[in-house]
Amino acid sequence: MKSEFTSKHIGSTFDDFLAEDELLADVEAVALKRVIAFQIEQEMRRSGLTKTELAARMETSRSAVDRLLDPENPAVTLRTLQRAAGVLGKRLRLELV
């Protein structure tokens, strides 16, 4: 007798489940943004930079830096990421895997 809890997802990975429900790309984008925001914040601390100072050195607004550091906001341009990395003495590296 088959249990009512038997699922077609048994034996599959969580990534498979997300991909099947067309959520994988969104979940990966949010995760990546969280990592990048965390790394930028860590470099800001090491450098002793405030958000206002980072914004001035990036020649952008404080609100743009707030969006950059908001882990829930995946809408950030490559140019903004490059400028932030440069100000912090880092390089932005993207790769396809």
Protein backbone atom coordinates (compact mmCIF):
# COMPACT_ATOMS: atom_id res chain seq x y z
CA MET A 1 0.00 0.00 0.00
CA LYS A 2 1.35 3.40 -0.98
CA SER A 3 1.64 6.04 1.72
CA GLU A 4 -0.03 9.38 1.17
CA PHE A 5 3.36 10.92 1.96
CA THR A 6 5.14 9.25 -0.94
CA SER A 7 6.62 11.96 -3.08
CA LYS A 8 8.14 12.19 -6.50
CA HIS A 9 10.93 14.21 -4.82
CA ILE A 10 12.23 11.33 -2.71
CA GLY A 11 15.82 10.71 -3.74
CA SER A 12 16.17 14.02 -5.55
CA THR A 13 18.22 16.97 -4.37
CA PHE A 14 16.87 20.22 -3.05
CA ASP A 15 18.29 21.91 -6.15
CA ASP A 16 16.28 19.50 -8.31
CA PHE A 17 13.15 20.42 -6.37
CA LEU A 18 13.80 24.16 -6.78
CA ALA A 19 14.63 23.78 -10.46
CA GLU A 20 11.44 21.82 -11.06
CA ASP A 21 9.42 24.58 -9.42
CA GLU A 22 11.43 27.19 -11.38
CA LEU A 23 12.77 28.74 -8.17
CA LEU A 24 16.43 27.74 -8.39
CA ALA A 25 17.66 30.86 -10.22
CA ASP A 26 15.89 33.18 -7.77
CA VAL A 27 17.18 31.31 -4.73
CA GLU A 28 20.73 31.30 -6.10
CA ALA A 29 20.56 35.04 -6.88
CA VAL A 30 19.46 35.87 -3.33
CA ALA A 31 22.15 33.61 -1.86
CA LEU A 32 24.83 35.18 -4.03
CA LYS A 33 23.71 38.69 -3.11
CA ARG A 34 23.85 37.80 0.60
CA VAL A 35 27.43 36.56 0.22
CA ILE A 36 28.53 39.63 -1.73
CA ALA A 37 26.86 42.03 0.72
CA PHE A 38 28.53 40.21 3.62
CA GLN A 39 31.96 40.34 1.93
CA ILE A 40 31.63 44.06 1.19
CA GLU A 41 30.58 44.78 4.78
CA GLN A 42 33.57 42.80 6.08
CA GLU A 43 35.97 44.74 3.85
CA MET A 44 34.37 48.02 4.94
CA ARG A 45 35.01 47.08 8.58
CA ARG A 46 38.62 46.11 7.86
CA SER A 47 39.13 49.40 6.04
CA GLY A 48 37.26 51.44 8.64
CA LEU A 49 34.88 52.83 6.00
CA THR A 50 31.36 53.97 6.76
CA LYS A 51 28.54 53.71 4.22
CA THR A 52 28.77 57.45 3.65
CA GLU A 53 32.52 57.27 3.00
CA LEU A 54 32.10 54.29 0.67
CA ALA A 55 29.39 56.15 -1.25
CA ALA A 56 31.61 59.23 -1.62
CA ARG A 57 34.56 57.17 -2.87
CA MET A 58 32.29 55.29 -5.28
CA GLU A 59 30.85 58.63 -6.45
CA THR A 60 27.33 57.45 -5.73
CA SER A 61 24.62 58.03 -3.16
CA ARG A 62 24.32 56.60 0.31
CA SER A 63 21.01 55.02 -0.76
CA ALA A 64 22.83 53.18 -3.59
CA VAL A 65 25.25 51.76 -1.00
CA ASP A 66 22.28 50.77 1.18
CA ARG A 67 20.83 48.84 -1.79
CA LEU A 68 24.22 47.27 -2.45
CA LEU A 69 24.45 46.06 1.15
CA ASP A 70 20.82 44.92 1.38
CA PRO A 71 20.99 41.12 1.16
CA GLU A 72 17.33 40.96 0.12
CA ASN A 73 17.78 43.28 -2.87
CA PRO A 74 19.28 41.32 -5.78
CA ALA A 75 19.01 44.30 -8.16
CA VAL A 76 22.56 45.59 -8.29
CA THR A 77 24.59 46.38 -11.39
CA LEU A 78 27.97 44.93 -12.24
CA ARG A 79 29.31 48.47 -12.47
CA THR A 80 28.25 49.17 -8.87
CA LEU A 81 29.89 45.94 -7.71
CA GLN A 82 33.08 46.79 -9.59
CA ARG A 83 33.24 50.29 -8.13
CA ALA A 84 32.69 49.00 -4.59
CA ALA A 85 35.35 46.33 -5.06
CA GLY A 86 37.80 48.88 -6.43
CA VAL A 87 37.27 51.28 -3.55
CA LEU A 88 37.91 48.40 -1.15
CA GLY A 89 41.10 47.40 -2.97
CA LYS A 90 39.54 44.25 -4.39
CA ARG A 91 38.61 42.92 -7.82
CA LEU A 92 35.22 41.57 -8.80
CA ARG A 93 35.42 38.11 -10.32
CA LEU A 94 32.45 36.42 -11.96
CA GLU A 95 32.50 32.99 -13.48
CA LEU A 96 30.15 30.53 -15.08
CA VAL A 97 30.13 27.07 -13.56
